[in-house]
Structures are given as C-alpha cells and as structure tokens.
C-alpha cells in the first residue's frame, strides 16, 4: 500500500474524517503498531521490485555494517529467532545476495558474506528506504523527526537491553 500524500488539514479534522477512535488514539501501543504497519507496507512495496522484503533489507544492512558474521550473531542484532534467521539467510542465498562459508575460527558455524550483487542491490535499497522514511515522516517537522527517532531509540534500547543475553535472538 503506497503512502498517501497528506493534505495540510488540521490533525483533528483528519482524525474525524478517518473515523479514528479517540480512545485508541490515546493508546501508545495502538499508535506504535499502526505506524509500524504502515511504514512496513511502504518498505515492502518499494523494496519488492528489488526482490527484497524489509526483513531481507535489515539483514543485508547488518552484514554491510558488521562484515561477515554468523547467522546467530545476525539474529541477535535484529532480534530474530534462529529458525526464522535460517529461512531469511536461505532466501538471500537463493537470490545470490549472500554466501555461507566456513567460519574461520569455529568449525561448527558458518559465516555469512555479502556478494557483489548484494552490494549493488543495497545501494539502491538504501535510497528507496530513505525515500520511504522521508515520505512517511513528511507530516513532521525536521525537529519532530529527530525527537521521534531519539524517543523510539530510547524505548528500543531500554526494552531490548533488559532482555537477557541468552534470550536475545530467540523470540
């Protein structure tokens, strides 16, 4: 679903026209969930022509940032359980975007490497992801966008850092 160009009507008028429930608009969980769903849909739509889903983009971005690491380490970075991570890496391998190779120091593990094709796709994907975020956040001032990122980052760090190290990547 494409993001709609927002008109500049007052917020209260748009809320009334959309038929949004006032009691739900006061619930942080509802607001976070609906916002997350809408931006997820936009990512999927924009990244789809590259053969990527948002989950693929996240994993490829981690590999670009961290270099080759194990599937388990990637899962810990993106908070994805082992089984799901195997499926995501399988998808990316079939698309020719990653390769599994023997880990240099642990024979029981495989390191995951970006391919040259992945690096090309990522350059395009970064541009598309930035445009999704820009369009999604255009109803906020630059200051509000910065504040939103700071607040969301604080929430993520606070709530995920409280997860025990052994539970990371398991749920």
N, C-alpha and C. Protein backbone atom coordinates (compact mmCIF):
# COMPACT_ATOMS: atom_id res chain seq x y z
N UNK A 1 0.84 -1.18 0.00
CA UNK A 1 0.00 0.00 0.00
C UNK A 1 0.89 1.24 0.00
N UNK A 2 0.71 2.08 -0.96
CA UNK A 2 1.52 3.29 -1.08
C UNK A 2 1.15 4.28 0.01
N UNK A 3 2.15 5.03 0.43
CA UNK A 3 1.88 6.09 1.38
C UNK A 3 1.13 7.19 0.66
N UNK A 4 0.12 7.71 1.31
CA UNK A 4 -0.69 8.76 0.71
C UNK A 4 -0.07 10.12 1.01
N UNK A 5 -0.17 10.99 0.05
CA UNK A 5 0.26 12.37 0.25
C UNK A 5 -0.73 13.01 1.21
N UNK A 6 -0.23 13.50 2.33
CA UNK A 6 -1.11 14.09 3.33
C UNK A 6 -1.46 15.52 2.98
N UNK A 7 -2.72 15.84 3.16
CA UNK A 7 -3.09 17.23 2.98
C UNK A 7 -2.73 17.96 4.26
N UNK A 8 -2.81 19.26 4.20
CA UNK A 8 -2.37 20.06 5.34
C UNK A 8 -3.53 20.49 6.24
N UNK A 9 -4.58 19.66 6.30
CA UNK A 9 -5.69 19.96 7.20
C UNK A 9 -5.21 19.80 8.63
N UNK A 10 -5.87 20.48 9.55
CA UNK A 10 -5.51 20.29 10.96
C UNK A 10 -5.66 18.82 11.35
N UNK A 11 -4.81 18.40 12.24
CA UNK A 11 -4.78 16.99 12.66
C UNK A 11 -6.15 16.50 13.14
N UNK A 12 -6.84 17.33 13.92
CA UNK A 12 -8.14 16.93 14.46
C UNK A 12 -9.16 16.68 13.35
N UNK A 13 -9.12 17.48 12.28
CA UNK A 13 -10.05 17.31 11.16
C UNK A 13 -9.78 15.99 10.47
N UNK A 14 -8.51 15.66 10.22
CA UNK A 14 -8.17 14.38 9.57
C UNK A 14 -8.62 13.21 10.44
N UNK A 15 -8.42 13.31 11.75
CA UNK A 15 -8.81 12.22 12.66
C UNK A 15 -10.31 11.97 12.56
N UNK A 16 -11.10 13.04 12.56
CA UNK A 16 -12.55 12.92 12.48
C UNK A 16 -12.97 12.32 11.14
N UNK A 17 -12.38 12.81 10.05
CA UNK A 17 -12.72 12.31 8.72
C UNK A 17 -12.37 10.83 8.57
N UNK A 18 -11.30 10.39 9.20
CA UNK A 18 -10.89 8.99 9.10
C UNK A 18 -11.70 8.08 10.02
N UNK A 19 -12.47 8.68 10.91
CA UNK A 19 -13.28 7.88 11.82
C UNK A 19 -12.46 7.18 12.89
N UNK A 20 -11.31 7.74 13.22
CA UNK A 20 -10.45 7.11 14.23
C UNK A 20 -11.05 7.26 15.62
N UNK A 21 -10.92 6.23 16.40
CA UNK A 21 -11.45 6.21 17.76
C UNK A 21 -10.56 7.01 18.70
N UNK A 22 -11.17 7.92 19.41
CA UNK A 22 -10.42 8.76 20.34
C UNK A 22 -9.74 7.93 21.43
N UNK A 23 -10.43 6.90 21.90
CA UNK A 23 -9.82 6.09 22.97
C UNK A 23 -8.59 5.34 22.46
N UNK A 24 -8.59 4.93 21.18
CA UNK A 24 -7.42 4.26 20.63
C UNK A 24 -6.30 5.25 20.32
N UNK A 25 -6.67 6.46 19.91
CA UNK A 25 -5.66 7.48 19.63
C UNK A 25 -4.92 7.92 20.88
N UNK A 26 -5.44 7.55 22.04
CA UNK A 26 -4.76 7.84 23.31
C UNK A 26 -3.91 6.66 23.79
N UNK A 27 -3.88 5.57 23.03
CA UNK A 27 -3.12 4.38 23.42
C UNK A 27 -1.80 4.31 22.64
N UNK A 28 -0.71 4.38 23.34
CA UNK A 28 0.61 4.37 22.71
C UNK A 28 0.82 3.10 21.90
N UNK A 29 0.40 1.97 22.42
CA UNK A 29 0.58 0.71 21.71
C UNK A 29 -0.12 0.71 20.36
N UNK A 30 -1.34 1.21 20.33
CA UNK A 30 -2.10 1.31 19.08
C UNK A 30 -1.36 2.20 18.08
N UNK A 31 -0.90 3.35 18.55
CA UNK A 31 -0.23 4.31 17.67
C UNK A 31 1.08 3.74 17.12
N UNK A 32 1.86 3.09 17.98
CA UNK A 32 3.12 2.48 17.52
C UNK A 32 2.85 1.36 16.52
N UNK A 33 1.88 0.52 16.82
CA UNK A 33 1.57 -0.62 15.94
C UNK A 33 1.09 -0.14 14.57
N UNK A 34 0.15 0.79 14.56
CA UNK A 34 -0.38 1.27 13.28
C UNK A 34 0.68 1.99 12.47
N UNK A 35 1.52 2.78 13.13
CA UNK A 35 2.61 3.45 12.42
C UNK A 35 3.60 2.43 11.86
N UNK A 36 3.95 1.43 12.66
CA UNK A 36 4.88 0.39 12.21
C UNK A 36 4.31 -0.39 11.03
N UNK A 37 3.04 -0.73 11.09
CA UNK A 37 2.42 -1.47 9.99
C UNK A 37 2.43 -0.66 8.70
N UNK A 38 2.14 0.62 8.79
CA UNK A 38 2.07 1.46 7.59
C UNK A 38 3.44 1.62 6.95
N UNK A 39 4.47 1.86 7.76
CA UNK A 39 5.80 2.02 7.17
C UNK A 39 6.33 0.68 6.66
N UNK A 40 5.97 -0.41 7.32
CA UNK A 40 6.35 -1.75 6.85
C UNK A 40 5.76 -2.02 5.47
N UNK A 41 4.49 -1.68 5.30
CA UNK A 41 3.83 -1.85 4.00
C UNK A 41 4.55 -1.04 2.92
N UNK A 42 4.94 0.17 3.26
CA UNK A 42 5.62 1.03 2.29
C UNK A 42 6.99 0.46 1.93
N UNK A 43 7.73 -0.03 2.93
CA UNK A 43 9.02 -0.67 2.65
C UNK A 43 8.84 -1.86 1.72
N UNK A 44 7.87 -2.70 2.03
CA UNK A 44 7.64 -3.90 1.21
C UNK A 44 7.32 -3.52 -0.23
N UNK A 45 6.50 -2.50 -0.40
CA UNK A 45 6.12 -2.07 -1.75
C UNK A 45 7.33 -1.53 -2.52
N UNK A 46 8.13 -0.70 -1.88
CA UNK A 46 9.27 -0.08 -2.55
C UNK A 46 10.42 -1.05 -2.78
N UNK A 47 10.66 -1.94 -1.82
CA UNK A 47 11.79 -2.88 -1.94
C UNK A 47 11.44 -4.09 -2.79
N UNK A 48 10.16 -4.37 -2.96
CA UNK A 48 9.70 -5.53 -3.72
C UNK A 48 10.31 -5.67 -5.10
N UNK A 49 10.35 -4.59 -5.89
CA UNK A 49 10.94 -4.70 -7.23
C UNK A 49 12.41 -5.13 -7.22
N UNK A 50 13.10 -4.94 -6.09
CA UNK A 50 14.49 -5.40 -5.97
C UNK A 50 14.56 -6.86 -5.52
N UNK A 51 13.39 -7.46 -5.29
CA UNK A 51 13.36 -8.84 -4.80
C UNK A 51 13.59 -8.93 -3.30
N UNK A 52 13.41 -7.82 -2.60
CA UNK A 52 13.66 -7.78 -1.17
C UNK A 52 12.38 -7.52 -0.38
N UNK A 53 12.32 -8.10 0.79
CA UNK A 53 11.34 -7.74 1.81
C UNK A 53 12.10 -6.92 2.86
N UNK A 54 11.38 -6.25 3.73
CA UNK A 54 12.02 -5.44 4.76
C UNK A 54 12.97 -6.29 5.61
N UNK A 55 12.58 -7.53 5.90
CA UNK A 55 13.44 -8.40 6.73
C UNK A 55 14.76 -8.69 6.03
N UNK A 56 14.73 -8.83 4.70
CA UNK A 56 15.96 -9.05 3.94
C UNK A 56 16.85 -7.81 4.01
N UNK A 57 16.23 -6.66 3.84
CA UNK A 57 16.98 -5.40 3.87
C UNK A 57 17.67 -5.23 5.22
N UNK A 58 16.96 -5.55 6.29
CA UNK A 58 17.56 -5.42 7.62
C UNK A 58 18.79 -6.30 7.80
N UNK A 59 18.69 -7.54 7.36
CA UNK A 59 19.81 -8.48 7.48
C UNK A 59 20.98 -8.03 6.61
N UNK A 60 20.70 -7.64 5.38
CA UNK A 60 21.77 -7.18 4.49
C UNK A 60 22.45 -5.93 5.06
N UNK A 61 21.68 -5.05 5.66
CA UNK A 61 22.24 -3.84 6.26
C UNK A 61 23.17 -4.16 7.42
N UNK A 62 22.77 -5.14 8.23
CA UNK A 62 23.62 -5.57 9.35
C UNK A 62 24.93 -6.14 8.82
N UNK A 63 24.84 -6.98 7.79
CA UNK A 63 26.06 -7.55 7.21
C UNK A 63 26.95 -6.47 6.60
N UNK A 64 26.36 -5.48 5.99
CA UNK A 64 27.14 -4.38 5.42
C UNK A 64 27.87 -3.62 6.53
N UNK A 65 27.18 -3.42 7.64
CA UNK A 65 27.76 -2.67 8.75
C UNK A 65 28.81 -3.49 9.51
N UNK A 66 28.52 -4.75 9.78
CA UNK A 66 29.37 -5.57 10.65
C UNK A 66 30.38 -6.44 9.92
N UNK A 67 30.19 -6.63 8.62
CA UNK A 67 31.04 -7.57 7.91
C UNK A 67 30.49 -8.97 8.08
N UNK A 68 31.25 -9.96 7.66
CA UNK A 68 30.74 -11.33 7.75
C UNK A 68 30.69 -11.77 9.20
N UNK A 69 29.51 -12.24 9.59
CA UNK A 69 29.29 -12.78 10.94
C UNK A 69 28.39 -14.00 10.80
N UNK A 70 28.19 -14.72 11.90
CA UNK A 70 27.37 -15.93 11.84
C UNK A 70 25.90 -15.58 11.81
N UNK A 71 25.09 -16.56 11.39
CA UNK A 71 23.63 -16.39 11.39
C UNK A 71 23.14 -16.06 12.78
N UNK A 72 23.71 -16.73 13.77
CA UNK A 72 23.30 -16.50 15.16
C UNK A 72 23.58 -15.05 15.56
N UNK A 73 24.74 -14.53 15.18
CA UNK A 73 25.07 -13.14 15.51
C UNK A 73 24.14 -12.16 14.79
N UNK A 74 23.81 -12.46 13.55
CA UNK A 74 22.86 -11.60 12.82
C UNK A 74 21.52 -11.60 13.55
N UNK A 75 21.05 -12.80 13.93
CA UNK A 75 19.79 -12.92 14.65
C UNK A 75 19.77 -12.09 15.92
N UNK A 76 20.89 -12.08 16.64
CA UNK A 76 20.98 -11.27 17.86
C UNK A 76 20.87 -9.79 17.54
N UNK A 77 21.45 -9.37 16.41
CA UNK A 77 21.41 -7.95 16.02
C UNK A 77 20.01 -7.49 15.67
N UNK A 78 19.23 -8.35 15.03
CA UNK A 78 17.91 -7.95 14.56
C UNK A 78 16.78 -8.56 15.40
N UNK A 79 17.16 -9.24 16.49
CA UNK A 79 16.19 -9.87 17.40
C UNK A 79 15.24 -10.81 16.66
N UNK A 80 15.84 -11.75 15.94
CA UNK A 80 15.08 -12.77 15.22
C UNK A 80 15.56 -14.13 15.72
N UNK A 81 14.63 -15.06 15.93
CA UNK A 81 14.99 -16.38 16.42
C UNK A 81 15.77 -17.16 15.36
N UNK A 82 16.46 -18.21 15.80
CA UNK A 82 17.36 -18.97 14.93
C UNK A 82 16.64 -19.57 13.72
N UNK A 83 15.47 -20.16 13.94
CA UNK A 83 14.75 -20.80 12.85
C UNK A 83 14.37 -19.80 11.77
N UNK A 84 13.85 -18.66 12.18
CA UNK A 84 13.48 -17.61 11.23
C UNK A 84 14.71 -17.09 10.50
N UNK A 85 15.81 -16.94 11.24
CA UNK A 85 17.04 -16.43 10.63
C UNK A 85 17.55 -17.37 9.55
N UNK A 86 17.47 -18.68 9.79
CA UNK A 86 17.89 -19.66 8.78
C UNK A 86 17.07 -19.46 7.50
N UNK A 87 15.77 -19.27 7.64
CA UNK A 87 14.91 -19.04 6.47
C UNK A 87 15.26 -17.77 5.72
N UNK A 88 15.55 -16.71 6.44
CA UNK A 88 15.91 -15.44 5.80
C UNK A 88 17.23 -15.60 5.04
N UNK A 89 18.21 -16.24 5.67
CA UNK A 89 19.51 -16.44 5.01
C UNK A 89 19.34 -17.36 3.80
N UNK A 90 18.50 -18.40 3.93
CA UNK A 90 18.21 -19.27 2.77
C UNK A 90 17.66 -18.45 1.61
N UNK A 91 16.69 -17.56 1.90
CA UNK A 91 16.11 -16.69 0.87
C UNK A 91 17.18 -15.86 0.19
N UNK A 92 18.02 -15.23 1.00
CA UNK A 92 19.05 -14.34 0.47
C UNK A 92 20.10 -15.11 -0.34
N UNK A 93 20.37 -16.33 0.09
CA UNK A 93 21.34 -17.17 -0.64
C UNK A 93 20.77 -17.56 -2.01
N UNK A 94 19.48 -17.92 -2.04
CA UNK A 94 18.84 -18.27 -3.31
C UNK A 94 18.82 -17.09 -4.28
N UNK A 95 18.75 -15.88 -3.75
CA UNK A 95 18.73 -14.67 -4.58
C UNK A 95 20.15 -14.26 -5.00
N UNK A 96 21.15 -14.98 -4.50
CA UNK A 96 22.53 -14.67 -4.84
C UNK A 96 23.08 -13.45 -4.11
N UNK A 97 22.48 -13.12 -2.95
CA UNK A 97 22.88 -11.92 -2.22
C UNK A 97 23.84 -12.21 -1.07
N UNK A 98 23.85 -13.44 -0.57
CA UNK A 98 24.79 -13.83 0.48
C UNK A 98 25.35 -15.21 0.18
N UNK A 99 26.46 -15.49 0.82
CA UNK A 99 27.07 -16.82 0.75
C UNK A 99 27.40 -17.25 2.17
N UNK A 100 27.19 -18.52 2.44
CA UNK A 100 27.64 -19.10 3.70
C UNK A 100 29.00 -19.75 3.45
N UNK A 101 29.94 -19.44 4.31
CA UNK A 101 31.27 -20.05 4.21
C UNK A 101 31.68 -20.54 5.59
N UNK A 102 32.60 -21.46 5.60
CA UNK A 102 33.09 -21.98 6.86
C UNK A 102 33.62 -20.83 7.71
N UNK A 103 33.25 -20.84 9.00
CA UNK A 103 33.72 -19.80 9.91
C UNK A 103 35.21 -19.99 10.13
N UNK A 104 35.98 -18.92 10.10
CA UNK A 104 37.43 -19.05 10.19
C UNK A 104 37.94 -19.63 11.52
N UNK A 105 37.18 -19.46 12.61
CA UNK A 105 37.67 -19.94 13.91
C UNK A 105 36.76 -20.96 14.58
N UNK A 106 35.56 -21.18 14.05
CA UNK A 106 34.61 -22.11 14.66
C UNK A 106 34.05 -23.04 13.60
N UNK A 107 34.52 -24.27 13.59
CA UNK A 107 34.12 -25.22 12.55
C UNK A 107 32.63 -25.57 12.62
N UNK A 108 31.99 -25.33 13.75
CA UNK A 108 30.56 -25.65 13.90
C UNK A 108 29.67 -24.59 13.29
N UNK A 109 30.23 -23.44 12.97
CA UNK A 109 29.44 -22.31 12.46
C UNK A 109 29.83 -21.96 11.04
N UNK A 110 28.92 -21.25 10.40
CA UNK A 110 29.19 -20.70 9.08
C UNK A 110 29.08 -19.18 9.18
N UNK A 111 30.00 -18.50 8.54
CA UNK A 111 29.92 -17.05 8.45
C UNK A 111 29.11 -16.72 7.20
N UNK A 112 28.39 -15.62 7.25
CA UNK A 112 27.57 -15.17 6.13
C UNK A 112 28.25 -13.95 5.52
N UNK A 113 28.42 -13.98 4.21
CA UNK A 113 29.10 -12.93 3.48
C UNK A 113 28.17 -12.30 2.45
N UNK A 114 28.29 -10.99 2.27
CA UNK A 114 27.58 -10.31 1.18
C UNK A 114 28.27 -10.62 -0.14
N UNK A 115 27.49 -10.77 -1.19
CA UNK A 115 28.05 -10.94 -2.52
C UNK A 115 28.16 -9.57 -3.19
N UNK A 116 28.85 -9.53 -4.32
CA UNK A 116 28.95 -8.28 -5.09
C UNK A 116 27.55 -7.82 -5.50
N UNK A 117 26.69 -8.77 -5.87
CA UNK A 117 25.32 -8.44 -6.26
C UNK A 117 24.59 -7.75 -5.10
N UNK A 118 24.80 -8.24 -3.88
CA UNK A 118 24.15 -7.65 -2.70
C UNK A 118 24.57 -6.21 -2.51
N UNK A 119 25.84 -5.94 -2.75
CA UNK A 119 26.34 -4.57 -2.57
C UNK A 119 25.68 -3.62 -3.57
N UNK A 120 25.45 -4.09 -4.78
CA UNK A 120 24.75 -3.28 -5.78
C UNK A 120 23.29 -3.06 -5.38
N UNK A 121 22.64 -4.14 -4.96
CA UNK A 121 21.23 -4.06 -4.56
C UNK A 121 21.07 -3.15 -3.34
N UNK A 122 22.00 -3.25 -2.39
CA UNK A 122 21.92 -2.44 -1.18
C UNK A 122 22.01 -0.94 -1.48
N UNK A 123 22.82 -0.57 -2.43
CA UNK A 123 22.92 0.86 -2.78
C UNK A 123 21.55 1.38 -3.21
N UNK A 124 20.85 0.62 -4.02
CA UNK A 124 19.50 1.00 -4.47
C UNK A 124 18.52 0.94 -3.30
N UNK A 125 18.62 -0.10 -2.49
CA UNK A 125 17.70 -0.29 -1.37
C UNK A 125 17.83 0.83 -0.34
N UNK A 126 19.05 1.27 -0.07
CA UNK A 126 19.24 2.38 0.88
C UNK A 126 18.52 3.63 0.38
N UNK A 127 18.63 3.90 -0.90
CA UNK A 127 17.95 5.07 -1.48
C UNK A 127 16.43 4.94 -1.33
N UNK A 128 15.91 3.75 -1.64
CA UNK A 128 14.46 3.52 -1.53
C UNK A 128 13.99 3.61 -0.09
N UNK A 129 14.76 3.03 0.84
CA UNK A 129 14.38 3.08 2.26
C UNK A 129 14.37 4.52 2.76
N UNK A 130 15.35 5.29 2.35
CA UNK A 130 15.38 6.71 2.75
C UNK A 130 14.17 7.45 2.21
N UNK A 131 13.77 7.15 0.98
CA UNK A 131 12.61 7.84 0.41
C UNK A 131 11.33 7.43 1.12
N UNK A 132 11.23 6.17 1.54
CA UNK A 132 10.06 5.73 2.31
C UNK A 132 9.99 6.50 3.62
N UNK A 133 11.10 6.58 4.32
CA UNK A 133 11.10 7.29 5.60
C UNK A 133 10.79 8.77 5.42
N UNK A 134 11.38 9.36 4.40
CA UNK A 134 11.14 10.79 4.16
C UNK A 134 9.65 11.04 3.91
N UNK A 135 9.05 10.21 3.07
CA UNK A 135 7.63 10.40 2.76
C UNK A 135 6.77 10.11 3.98
N UNK A 136 7.10 9.07 4.73
CA UNK A 136 6.32 8.70 5.90
C UNK A 136 6.35 9.80 6.96
N UNK A 137 7.51 10.43 7.11
CA UNK A 137 7.69 11.42 8.18
C UNK A 137 7.45 12.86 7.74
N UNK A 138 7.05 13.06 6.49
CA UNK A 138 6.91 14.43 5.99
C UNK A 138 5.86 15.25 6.73
N UNK A 139 4.98 14.62 7.46
CA UNK A 139 3.97 15.35 8.23
C UNK A 139 4.56 15.93 9.53
N UNK A 140 5.81 15.60 9.80
CA UNK A 140 6.50 16.11 10.99
C UNK A 140 7.57 17.10 10.57
N UNK A 141 7.84 18.06 11.44
CA UNK A 141 8.95 18.98 11.18
C UNK A 141 10.26 18.21 11.34
N UNK A 142 11.34 18.78 10.86
CA UNK A 142 12.66 18.15 11.00
C UNK A 142 12.97 17.92 12.48
N UNK A 143 12.63 18.90 13.30
CA UNK A 143 12.87 18.79 14.75
C UNK A 143 12.05 17.63 15.33
N UNK A 144 10.79 17.52 14.93
CA UNK A 144 9.93 16.43 15.42
C UNK A 144 10.45 15.06 14.95
N UNK A 145 10.95 15.00 13.73
CA UNK A 145 11.51 13.74 13.22
C UNK A 145 12.70 13.31 14.07
N UNK A 146 13.57 14.25 14.38
CA UNK A 146 14.75 13.95 15.20
C UNK A 146 14.32 13.50 16.60
N UNK A 147 13.35 14.20 17.18
CA UNK A 147 12.85 13.85 18.51
C UNK A 147 12.20 12.46 18.50
N UNK A 148 11.44 12.16 17.46
CA UNK A 148 10.79 10.86 17.34
C UNK A 148 11.83 9.75 17.32
N UNK A 149 12.87 9.91 16.49
CA UNK A 149 13.94 8.90 16.43
C UNK A 149 14.61 8.73 17.79
N UNK A 150 14.86 9.84 18.47
CA UNK A 150 15.51 9.77 19.78
C UNK A 150 14.63 9.02 20.79
N UNK A 151 13.35 9.32 20.79
CA UNK A 151 12.41 8.66 21.72
C UNK A 151 12.28 7.18 21.40
N UNK A 152 12.10 6.84 20.12
CA UNK A 152 11.97 5.44 19.73
C UNK A 152 13.25 4.66 20.03
N UNK A 153 14.38 5.28 19.76
CA UNK A 153 15.67 4.63 20.05
C UNK A 153 15.80 4.36 21.55
N UNK A 154 15.40 5.33 22.35
CA UNK A 154 15.45 5.18 23.81
C UNK A 154 14.56 4.01 24.26
N UNK A 155 13.36 3.91 23.68
CA UNK A 155 12.45 2.81 24.02
C UNK A 155 13.03 1.46 23.62
N UNK A 156 13.56 1.37 22.40
CA UNK A 156 14.13 0.11 21.92
C UNK A 156 15.30 -0.31 22.79
N UNK A 157 16.22 0.62 23.06
CA UNK A 157 17.39 0.29 23.87
C UNK A 157 16.96 -0.13 25.27
N UNK A 158 16.03 0.59 25.85
CA UNK A 158 15.59 0.27 27.21
C UNK A 158 14.92 -1.10 27.29
N UNK A 159 14.07 -1.40 26.34
CA UNK A 159 13.30 -2.64 26.42
C UNK A 159 14.04 -3.85 25.88
N UNK A 160 14.94 -3.66 24.94
CA UNK A 160 15.70 -4.80 24.44
C UNK A 160 16.94 -5.05 25.27
N UNK A 161 17.50 -4.02 25.91
CA UNK A 161 18.67 -4.24 26.75
C UNK A 161 18.28 -4.99 28.02
N UNK A 162 16.99 -4.95 28.37
CA UNK A 162 16.54 -5.67 29.56
C UNK A 162 16.35 -7.16 29.28
N UNK A 163 16.42 -7.55 27.99
CA UNK A 163 16.32 -8.96 27.62
C UNK A 163 17.63 -9.63 28.00
N UNK A 164 17.55 -10.78 28.63
CA UNK A 164 18.77 -11.49 29.00
C UNK A 164 19.53 -11.90 27.76
N UNK A 165 20.84 -11.86 27.85
CA UNK A 165 21.70 -12.18 26.71
C UNK A 165 21.36 -13.54 26.11
N UNK A 166 21.03 -14.52 26.92
CA UNK A 166 20.70 -15.85 26.43
C UNK A 166 19.38 -15.91 25.68
N UNK A 167 18.51 -14.91 25.89
CA UNK A 167 17.21 -14.89 25.23
C UNK A 167 17.25 -14.10 23.94
N UNK A 168 18.31 -13.29 23.73
CA UNK A 168 18.41 -12.49 22.52
C UNK A 168 18.43 -13.38 21.30
N UNK A 169 17.66 -12.99 20.33
CA UNK A 169 17.62 -13.75 19.09
C UNK A 169 16.81 -15.02 19.20
N UNK A 170 16.11 -15.21 20.28
CA UNK A 170 15.33 -16.43 20.46
C UNK A 170 13.83 -16.16 20.42
N UNK A 171 13.41 -14.97 20.13
CA UNK A 171 11.97 -14.73 20.12
C UNK A 171 11.60 -13.59 19.37
